[in-house]
Amino acid sequence: MDAAGIPVAEVTTDIDGNTRNALTPDIGADEVGYAAIANDAGVRSIVNHGWGCSGVNPVEVTLKNFGTNPLTAATIHWSVNGAVQPSFA
């Protein structure tokens, strides 16, 4: 959302009265001035190939690097129905 808004000539200040960037305002009512996060990996999607089936079923997880540093490793901690499962690196 940082600097991804569309400038509107009539809107020169944000909800707090701060000056909006005239060329690349932040999306939303607040001109926050986001700081980039260096390490920020997250789950983009989860696909269970055996929904509704009992037993062991494969699960496919797609990770996304939302940070500015290259993603070199990540550990996924997960659970099923509240039961913690082994972590996956």
PDB file of N, CA and C in Angstrom:
ATOM      1  N   MET A   1       0.810  -1.179   0.000  1.00  0.00           N
ATOM      2  CA  MET A   1       0.000   0.000   0.000  1.00  0.00           C
ATOM      3  C   MET A   1       0.862   1.254   0.000  1.00  0.00           C
ATOM      4  N   ASP A   2       2.144   1.060   0.270  1.00  0.00           N
ATOM      5  CA  ASP A   2       3.056   2.185   0.313  1.00  0.00           C
ATOM      6  C   ASP A   2       3.240   2.764  -1.081  1.00  0.00           C
ATOM      7  N   ALA A   3       2.909   4.022  -1.227  1.00  0.00           N
ATOM      8  CA  ALA A   3       3.125   4.761  -2.480  1.00  0.00           C
ATOM      9  C   ALA A   3       2.427   4.113  -3.670  1.00  0.00           C
ATOM     10  N   ALA A   4       1.322   3.383  -3.432  1.00  0.00           N
ATOM     11  CA  ALA A   4       0.628   2.687  -4.509  1.00  0.00           C
ATOM     12  C   ALA A   4      -0.730   3.297  -4.824  1.00  0.00           C
ATOM     13  N   GLY A   5      -1.027   4.452  -4.219  1.00  0.00           N
ATOM     14  CA  GLY A   5      -2.308   5.102  -4.455  1.00  0.00           C
ATOM     15  C   GLY A   5      -2.312   5.940  -5.718  1.00  0.00           C
ATOM     16  N   ILE A   6      -3.484   6.393  -6.078  1.00  0.00           N
ATOM     17  CA  ILE A   6      -3.647   7.278  -7.225  1.00  0.00           C
ATOM     18  C   ILE A   6      -3.862   8.685  -6.679  1.00  0.00           C
ATOM     19  N   PRO A   7      -3.033   9.640  -7.103  1.00  0.00           N
ATOM     20  CA  PRO A   7      -3.202  10.994  -6.587  1.00  0.00           C
ATOM     21  C   PRO A   7      -4.518  11.619  -7.043  1.00  0.00           C
ATOM     22  N   VAL A   8      -5.153  12.328  -6.124  1.00  0.00           N
ATOM     23  CA  VAL A   8      -6.382  13.069  -6.414  1.00  0.00           C
ATOM     24  C   VAL A   8      -6.086  14.524  -6.046  1.00  0.00           C
ATOM     25  N   ALA A   9      -6.182  15.413  -7.026  1.00  0.00           N
ATOM     26  CA  ALA A   9      -5.778  16.810  -6.824  1.00  0.00           C
ATOM     27  C   ALA A   9      -6.510  17.474  -5.662  1.00  0.00           C
ATOM     28  N   GLU A  10      -7.773  17.125  -5.448  1.00  0.00           N
ATOM     29  CA  GLU A  10      -8.564  17.747  -4.389  1.00  0.00           C
ATOM     30  C   GLU A  10      -8.209  17.242  -2.987  1.00  0.00           C
ATOM     31  N   VAL A  11      -7.491  16.133  -2.888  1.00  0.00           N
ATOM     32  CA  VAL A  11      -7.150  15.548  -1.586  1.00  0.00           C
ATOM     33  C   VAL A  11      -5.666  15.776  -1.334  1.00  0.00           C
ATOM     34  N   THR A  12      -5.370  16.797  -0.527  1.00  0.00           N
ATOM     35  CA  THR A  12      -3.966  17.155  -0.283  1.00  0.00           C
ATOM     36  C   THR A  12      -3.479  16.751   1.104  1.00  0.00           C
ATOM     37  N   THR A  13      -4.424  16.399   2.001  1.00  0.00           N
ATOM     38  CA  THR A  13      -4.037  15.960   3.340  1.00  0.00           C
ATOM     39  C   THR A  13      -4.757  14.661   3.669  1.00  0.00           C
ATOM     40  N   ASP A  14      -4.177  13.902   4.623  1.00  0.00           N
ATOM     41  CA  ASP A  14      -4.794  12.640   5.021  1.00  0.00           C
ATOM     42  C   ASP A  14      -5.732  12.868   6.201  1.00  0.00           C
ATOM     43  N   ILE A  15      -6.232  11.795   6.777  1.00  0.00           N
ATOM     44  CA  ILE A  15      -7.202  11.876   7.863  1.00  0.00           C
ATOM     45  C   ILE A  15      -6.635  12.559   9.117  1.00  0.00           C
ATOM     46  N   ASP A  16      -5.306  12.526   9.269  1.00  0.00           N
ATOM     47  CA  ASP A  16      -4.648  13.156  10.419  1.00  0.00           C
ATOM     48  C   ASP A  16      -4.204  14.587  10.128  1.00  0.00           C
ATOM     49  N   GLY A  17      -4.436  15.053   8.886  1.00  0.00           N
ATOM     50  CA  GLY A  17      -3.995  16.390   8.511  1.00  0.00           C
ATOM     51  C   GLY A  17      -2.590  16.425   7.942  1.00  0.00           C
ATOM     52  N   ASN A  18      -1.958  15.249   7.775  1.00  0.00           N
ATOM     53  CA  ASN A  18      -0.624  15.198   7.189  1.00  0.00           C
ATOM     54  C   ASN A  18      -0.714  15.381   5.674  1.00  0.00           C
ATOM     55  N   THR A  19       0.294  16.010   5.082  1.00  0.00           N
ATOM     56  CA  THR A  19       0.318  16.239   3.644  1.00  0.00           C
ATOM     57  C   THR A  19       0.463  14.924   2.901  1.00  0.00           C
ATOM     58  N   ARG A  20      -0.398  14.731   1.892  1.00  0.00           N
ATOM     59  CA  ARG A  20      -0.320  13.526   1.051  1.00  0.00           C
ATOM     60  C   ARG A  20       0.737  13.747  -0.012  1.00  0.00           C
ATOM     61  N   ASN A  21       1.396  12.668  -0.403  1.00  0.00           N
ATOM     62  CA  ASN A  21       2.353  12.737  -1.499  1.00  0.00           C
ATOM     63  C   ASN A  21       1.578  13.045  -2.777  1.00  0.00           C
ATOM     64  N   ALA A  22       1.973  14.076  -3.499  1.00  0.00           N
ATOM     65  CA  ALA A  22       1.234  14.530  -4.688  1.00  0.00           C
ATOM     66  C   ALA A  22       1.360  13.572  -5.861  1.00  0.00           C
ATOM     67  N   LEU A  23       2.434  12.774  -5.908  1.00  0.00           N
ATOM     68  CA  LEU A  23       2.645  11.866  -7.035  1.00  0.00           C
ATOM     69  C   LEU A  23       2.330  10.415  -6.701  1.00  0.00           C
ATOM     70  N   THR A  24       2.740   9.967  -5.512  1.00  0.00           N
ATOM     71  CA  THR A  24       2.557   8.563  -5.134  1.00  0.00           C
ATOM     72  C   THR A  24       2.049   8.467  -3.690  1.00  0.00           C
ATOM     73  N   PRO A  25       0.775   8.800  -3.456  1.00  0.00           N
ATOM     74  CA  PRO A  25       0.247   8.702  -2.085  1.00  0.00           C
ATOM     75  C   PRO A  25       0.070   7.250  -1.660  1.00  0.00           C
ATOM     76  N   ASP A  26       0.017   7.046  -0.343  1.00  0.00           N
ATOM     77  CA  ASP A  26      -0.286   5.725   0.190  1.00  0.00           C
ATOM     78  C   ASP A  26      -1.769   5.432  -0.052  1.00  0.00           C
ATOM     79  N   ILE A  27      -2.108   4.151  -0.198  1.00  0.00           N
ATOM     80  CA  ILE A  27      -3.498   3.755  -0.331  1.00  0.00           C
ATOM     81  C   ILE A  27      -4.174   3.913   1.031  1.00  0.00           C
ATOM     82  N   GLY A  28      -5.386   4.427   1.042  1.00  0.00           N
ATOM     83  CA  GLY A  28      -6.139   4.568   2.277  1.00  0.00           C
ATOM     84  C   GLY A  28      -6.202   5.999   2.755  1.00  0.00           C
ATOM     85  N   ALA A  29      -6.755   6.183   3.948  1.00  0.00           N
ATOM     86  CA  ALA A  29      -6.998   7.517   4.479  1.00  0.00           C
ATOM     87  C   ALA A  29      -5.785   8.109   5.191  1.00  0.00           C
ATOM     88  N   ASP A  30      -4.754   7.296   5.461  1.00  0.00           N
ATOM     89  CA  ASP A  30      -3.610   7.750   6.246  1.00  0.00           C
ATOM     90  C   ASP A  30      -2.329   7.661   5.430  1.00  0.00           C
ATOM     91  N   GLU A  31      -1.629   8.768   5.302  1.00  0.00           N
ATOM     92  CA  GLU A  31      -0.328   8.805   4.619  1.00  0.00           C
ATOM     93  C   GLU A  31       0.708   8.367   5.640  1.00  0.00           C
ATOM     94  N   VAL A  32       0.886   7.048   5.758  1.00  0.00           N
ATOM     95  CA  VAL A  32       1.662   6.456   6.841  1.00  0.00           C
ATOM     96  C   VAL A  32       3.168   6.597   6.647  1.00  0.00           C
ATOM     97  N   GLY A  33       3.656   6.355   5.453  1.00  0.00           N
ATOM     98  CA  GLY A  33       5.098   6.298   5.244  1.00  0.00           C
ATOM     99  C   GLY A  33       5.611   4.953   5.715  1.00  0.00           C
ATOM    100  N   TYR A  34       5.177   3.906   5.064  1.00  0.00           N
ATOM    101  CA  TYR A  34       5.516   2.541   5.449  1.00  0.00           C
ATOM    102  C   TYR A  34       7.017   2.302   5.406  1.00  0.00           C
ATOM    103  N   ALA A  35       7.510   1.542   6.367  1.00  0.00           N
ATOM    104  CA  ALA A  35       8.898   1.100   6.363  1.00  0.00           C
ATOM    105  C   ALA A  35       8.926  -0.318   5.805  1.00  0.00           C
ATOM    106  N   ALA A  36       9.820  -0.563   4.879  1.00  0.00           N
ATOM    107  CA  ALA A  36       9.946  -1.900   4.297  1.00  0.00           C
ATOM    108  C   ALA A  36      10.396  -2.883   5.370  1.00  0.00           C
ATOM    109  N   ILE A  37       9.842  -4.082   5.341  1.00  0.00           N
ATOM    110  CA  ILE A  37      10.211  -5.130   6.292  1.00  0.00           C
ATOM    111  C   ILE A  37      11.213  -6.044   5.609  1.00  0.00           C
ATOM    112  N   ALA A  38      12.341  -6.265   6.247  1.00  0.00           N
ATOM    113  CA  ALA A  38      13.413  -7.049   5.638  1.00  0.00           C
ATOM    114  C   ALA A  38      13.073  -8.534   5.553  1.00  0.00           C
ATOM    115  N   ASN A  39      12.621  -9.132   6.645  1.00  0.00           N
ATOM    116  CA  ASN A  39      12.328 -10.562   6.686  1.00  0.00           C
ATOM    117  C   ASN A  39      10.842 -10.761   6.938  1.00  0.00           C
ATOM    118  N   ASP A  40      10.112 -11.161   5.898  1.00  0.00           N
ATOM    119  CA  ASP A  40       8.668 -11.294   6.024  1.00  0.00           C
ATOM    120  C   ASP A  40       8.150 -12.338   5.040  1.00  0.00           C
ATOM    121  N   ALA A  41       8.240 -13.606   5.423  1.00  0.00           N
ATOM    122  CA  ALA A  41       7.716 -14.695   4.598  1.00  0.00           C
ATOM    123  C   ALA A  41       6.304 -15.004   5.059  1.00  0.00           C
ATOM    124  N   GLY A  42       5.444 -15.388   4.131  1.00  0.00           N
ATOM    125  CA  GLY A  42       4.080 -15.717   4.491  1.00  0.00           C
ATOM    126  C   GLY A  42       3.503 -16.777   3.579  1.00  0.00           C
ATOM    127  N   VAL A  43       2.427 -17.392   4.023  1.00  0.00           N
ATOM    128  CA  VAL A  43       1.745 -18.406   3.230  1.00  0.00           C
ATOM    129  C   VAL A  43       0.842 -17.705   2.223  1.00  0.00           C
ATOM    130  N   ARG A  44       1.037 -18.018   0.963  1.00  0.00           N
ATOM    131  CA  ARG A  44       0.215 -17.429  -0.096  1.00  0.00           C
ATOM    132  C   ARG A  44      -1.021 -18.280  -0.372  1.00  0.00           C
ATOM    133  N   SER A  45      -0.858 -19.602  -0.334  1.00  0.00           N
ATOM    134  CA  SER A  45      -2.007 -20.475  -0.560  1.00  0.00           C
ATOM    135  C   SER A  45      -1.770 -21.828   0.086  1.00  0.00           C
ATOM    136  N   ILE A  46      -2.878 -22.510   0.395  1.00  0.00           N
ATOM    137  CA  ILE A  46      -2.843 -23.866   0.947  1.00  0.00           C
ATOM    138  C   ILE A  46      -3.823 -24.702   0.140  1.00  0.00           C
ATOM    139  N   VAL A  47      -3.364 -25.843  -0.345  1.00  0.00           N
ATOM    140  CA  VAL A  47      -4.227 -26.750  -1.091  1.00  0.00           C
ATOM    141  C   VAL A  47      -4.153 -28.114  -0.427  1.00  0.00           C
ATOM    142  N   ASN A  48      -5.297 -28.625   0.014  1.00  0.00           N
ATOM    143  CA  ASN A  48      -5.381 -29.965   0.565  1.00  0.00           C
ATOM    144  C   ASN A  48      -5.940 -30.846  -0.542  1.00  0.00           C
ATOM    145  N   HIS A  49      -5.179 -31.840  -0.957  1.00  0.00           N
ATOM    146  CA  HIS A  49      -5.589 -32.684  -2.075  1.00  0.00           C
ATOM    147  C   HIS A  49      -6.517 -33.815  -1.644  1.00  0.00           C
ATOM    148  N   GLY A  50      -6.952 -33.809  -0.381  1.00  0.00           N
ATOM    149  CA  GLY A  50      -7.819 -34.885   0.091  1.00  0.00           C
ATOM    150  C   GLY A  50      -8.875 -34.416   1.055  1.00  0.00           C
ATOM    151  N   TRP A  51      -9.473 -33.229   0.816  1.00  0.00           N
ATOM    152  CA  TRP A  51     -10.511 -32.717   1.717  1.00  0.00           C
ATOM    153  C   TRP A  51     -11.603 -33.748   1.894  1.00  0.00           C
ATOM    154  N   GLY A  52     -11.993 -33.955   3.116  1.00  0.00           N
ATOM    155  CA  GLY A  52     -13.085 -34.866   3.418  1.00  0.00           C
ATOM    156  C   GLY A  52     -12.680 -36.321   3.465  1.00  0.00           C
ATOM    157  N   CYS A  53     -11.439 -36.621   3.187  1.00  0.00           N
ATOM    158  CA  CYS A  53     -10.971 -38.012   3.215  1.00  0.00           C
ATOM    159  C   CYS A  53     -10.223 -38.258   4.513  1.00  0.00           C
ATOM    160  N   SER A  54     -10.457 -39.396   5.115  1.00  0.00           N
ATOM    161  CA  SER A  54      -9.729 -39.718   6.337  1.00  0.00           C
ATOM    162  C   SER A  54      -8.352 -40.259   5.967  1.00  0.00           C
ATOM    163  N   GLY A  55      -7.475 -40.323   6.946  1.00  0.00           N
ATOM    164  CA  GLY A  55      -6.130 -40.833   6.722  1.00  0.00           C
ATOM    165  C   GLY A  55      -5.144 -39.728   6.422  1.00  0.00           C
ATOM    166  N   VAL A  56      -4.032 -40.092   5.833  1.00  0.00           N
ATOM    167  CA  VAL A  56      -2.968 -39.146   5.505  1.00  0.00           C
ATOM    168  C   VAL A  56      -3.230 -38.578   4.118  1.00  0.00           C
ATOM    169  N   ASN A  57      -3.250 -37.249   4.022  1.00  0.00           N
ATOM    170  CA  ASN A  57      -3.508 -36.577   2.753  1.00  0.00           C
ATOM    171  C   ASN A  57      -2.430 -35.530   2.505  1.00  0.00           C
ATOM    172  N   PRO A  58      -1.962 -35.401   1.265  1.00  0.00           N
ATOM    173  CA  PRO A  58      -0.946 -34.398   0.970  1.00  0.00           C
ATOM    174  C   PRO A  58      -1.528 -32.985   1.034  1.00  0.00           C
ATOM    175  N   VAL A  59      -0.727 -32.062   1.535  1.00  0.00           N
ATOM    176  CA  VAL A  59      -1.096 -30.653   1.594  1.00  0.00           C
ATOM    177  C   VAL A  59       0.004 -29.877   0.877  1.00  0.00           C
ATOM    178  N   GLU A  60      -0.396 -28.977   0.001  1.00  0.00           N
ATOM    179  CA  GLU A  60       0.562 -28.165  -0.762  1.00  0.00           C
ATOM    180  C   GLU A  60       0.464 -26.725  -0.271  1.00  0.00           C
ATOM    181  N   VAL A  61       1.611 -26.159   0.104  1.00  0.00           N
ATOM    182  CA  VAL A  61       1.668 -24.785   0.605  1.00  0.00           C
ATOM    183  C   VAL A  61       2.580 -23.974  -0.307  1.00  0.00           C
ATOM    184  N   THR A  62       2.109 -22.796  -0.696  1.00  0.00           N
ATOM    185  CA  THR A  62       2.925 -21.881  -1.491  1.00  0.00           C
ATOM    186  C   THR A  62       3.328 -20.715  -0.608  1.00  0.00           C
ATOM    187  N   LEU A  63       4.632 -20.492  -0.485  1.00  0.00           N
ATOM    188  CA  LEU A  63       5.148 -19.371   0.302  1.00  0.00           C
ATOM    189  C   LEU A  63       5.399 -18.179  -0.601  1.00  0.00           C
ATOM    190  N   LYS A  64       5.325 -16.992  -0.019  1.00  0.00           N
ATOM    191  CA  LYS A  64       5.663 -15.767  -0.736  1.00  0.00           C
ATOM    192  C   LYS A  64       6.605 -14.956   0.135  1.00  0.00           C
ATOM    193  N   ASN A  65       7.598 -14.376  -0.496  1.00  0.00           N
ATOM    194  CA  ASN A  65       8.510 -13.483   0.192  1.00  0.00           C
ATOM    195  C   ASN A  65       7.937 -12.073   0.116  1.00  0.00           C
ATOM    196  N   PHE A  66       7.386 -11.598   1.238  1.00  0.00           N
ATOM    197  CA  PHE A  66       6.838 -10.253   1.295  1.00  0.00           C
ATOM    198  C   PHE A  66       7.892  -9.242   1.750  1.00  0.00           C
ATOM    199  N   GLY A  67       9.080  -9.719   2.111  1.00  0.00           N
ATOM    200  CA  GLY A  67      10.140  -8.849   2.614  1.00  0.00           C
ATOM    201  C   GLY A  67      11.074  -8.375   1.526  1.00  0.00           C
ATOM    202  N   THR A  68      12.047  -7.583   1.939  1.00  0.00           N
ATOM    203  CA  THR A  68      13.015  -7.035   0.994  1.00  0.00           C
ATOM    204  C   THR A  68      14.280  -7.891   0.888  1.00  0.00           C
ATOM    205  N   ASN A  69      14.554  -8.718   1.900  1.00  0.00           N
ATOM    206  CA  ASN A  69      15.718  -9.617   1.843  1.00  0.00           C
ATOM    207  C   ASN A  69      15.369 -10.869   1.044  1.00  0.00           C
ATOM    208  N   PRO A  70      16.345 -11.448   0.352  1.00  0.00           N
ATOM    209  CA  PRO A  70      16.087 -12.734  -0.329  1.00  0.00           C
ATOM    210  C   PRO A  70      15.679 -13.799   0.681  1.00  0.00           C
ATOM    211  N   LEU A  71      14.698 -14.612   0.319  1.00  0.00           N
ATOM    212  CA  LEU A  71      14.233 -15.692   1.184  1.00  0.00           C
ATOM    213  C   LEU A  71      15.123 -16.903   0.945  1.00  0.00           C
ATOM    214  N   THR A  72      15.855 -17.320   1.983  1.00  0.00           N
ATOM    215  CA  THR A  72      16.769 -18.453   1.841  1.00  0.00           C
ATOM    216  C   THR A  72      16.311 -19.672   2.635  1.00  0.00           C
ATOM    217  N   ALA A  73      15.427 -19.471   3.615  1.00  0.00           N
ATOM    218  CA  ALA A  73      14.924 -20.580   4.423  1.00  0.00           C
ATOM    219  C   ALA A  73      13.662 -20.134   5.144  1.00  0.00           C
ATOM    220  N   ALA A  74      12.809 -21.095   5.450  1.00  0.00           N
ATOM    221  CA  ALA A  74      11.603 -20.824   6.227  1.00  0.00           C
ATOM    222  C   ALA A  74      11.175 -22.113   6.908  1.00  0.00           C
ATOM    223  N   THR A  75      10.551 -21.991   8.064  1.00  0.00           N
ATOM    224  CA  THR A  75      10.010 -23.141   8.779  1.00  0.00           C
ATOM    225  C   THR A  75       8.513 -22.942   8.948  1.00  0.00           C
ATOM    226  N   ILE A  76       7.746 -23.948   8.553  1.00  0.00           N
ATOM    227  CA  ILE A  76       6.293 -23.887   8.666  1.00  0.00           C
ATOM    228  C   ILE A  76       5.875 -24.659   9.905  1.00  0.00           C
ATOM    229  N   HIS A  77       5.199 -23.980  10.817  1.00  0.00           N
ATOM    230  CA  HIS A  77       4.624 -24.604  12.010  1.00  0.00           C
ATOM    231  C   HIS A  77       3.133 -24.719  11.745  1.00  0.00           C
ATOM    232  N   TRP A  78       2.556 -25.903  11.987  1.00  0.00           N
ATOM    233  CA  TRP A  78       1.151 -26.103  11.642  1.00  0.00           C
ATOM    234  C   TRP A  78       0.469 -27.061  12.578  1.00  0.00           C
ATOM    235  N   SER A  79      -0.872 -27.068  12.521  1.00  0.00           N
ATOM    236  CA  SER A  79      -1.648 -27.970  13.354  1.00  0.00           C
ATOM    237  C   SER A  79      -2.896 -28.418  12.601  1.00  0.00           C
ATOM    238  N   VAL A  80      -3.466 -29.531  13.038  1.00  0.00           N
ATOM    239  CA  VAL A  80      -4.707 -30.052  12.478  1.00  0.00           C
ATOM    240  C   VAL A  80      -5.678 -30.251  13.632  1.00  0.00           C
ATOM    241  N   ASN A  81      -6.809 -29.565  13.570  1.00  0.00           N
ATOM    242  CA  ASN A  81      -7.814 -29.652  14.634  1.00  0.00           C
ATOM    243  C   ASN A  81      -7.205 -29.412  16.017  1.00  0.00           C
ATOM    244  N   GLY A  82      -6.271 -28.468  16.099  1.00  0.00           N
ATOM    245  CA  GLY A  82      -5.646 -28.121  17.365  1.00  0.00           C
ATOM    246  C   GLY A  82      -4.467 -28.992  17.763  1.00  0.00           C
ATOM    247  N   ALA A  83      -4.202 -30.076  17.006  1.00  0.00           N
ATOM    248  CA  ALA A  83      -3.070 -30.960  17.314  1.00  0.00           C
ATOM    249  C   ALA A  83      -1.840 -30.493  16.540  1.00  0.00           C
ATOM    250  N   VAL A  84      -0.801 -30.083  17.276  1.00  0.00           N
ATOM    251  CA  VAL A  84       0.418 -29.593  16.643  1.00  0.00           C
ATOM    252  C   VAL A  84       1.080 -30.718  15.862  1.00  0.00           C
ATOM    253  N   GLN A  85       1.486 -30.400  14.641  1.00  0.00           N
ATOM    254  CA  GLN A  85       2.143 -31.347  13.755  1.00  0.00           C
ATOM    255  C   GLN A  85       3.632 -31.022  13.656  1.00  0.00           C
ATOM    256  N   PRO A  86       4.456 -31.959  13.162  1.00  0.00           N
ATOM    257  CA  PRO A  86       5.881 -31.667  13.037  1.00  0.00           C
ATOM    258  C   PRO A  86       6.116 -30.470  12.113  1.00  0.00           C
ATOM    259  N   SER A  87       7.067 -29.626  12.482  1.00  0.00           N
ATOM    260  CA  SER A  87       7.428 -28.471  11.664  1.00  0.00           C
ATOM    261  C   SER A  87       8.055 -28.926  10.367  1.00  0.00           C
ATOM    262  N   PHE A  88       7.930 -28.093   9.339  1.00  0.00           N
ATOM    263  CA  PHE A  88       8.494 -28.409   8.036  1.00  0.00           C
ATOM    264  C   PHE A  88       9.413 -27.271   7.630  1.00  0.00           C
ATOM    265  N   ALA A  89      10.684 -27.614   7.357  1.00  0.00           N
ATOM    266  CA  ALA A  89      11.661 -26.599   6.951  1.00  0.00           C
ATOM    267  C   ALA A  89      11.743 -26.530   5.438  1.00  0.00           C
TER     268      ALA A  89
END
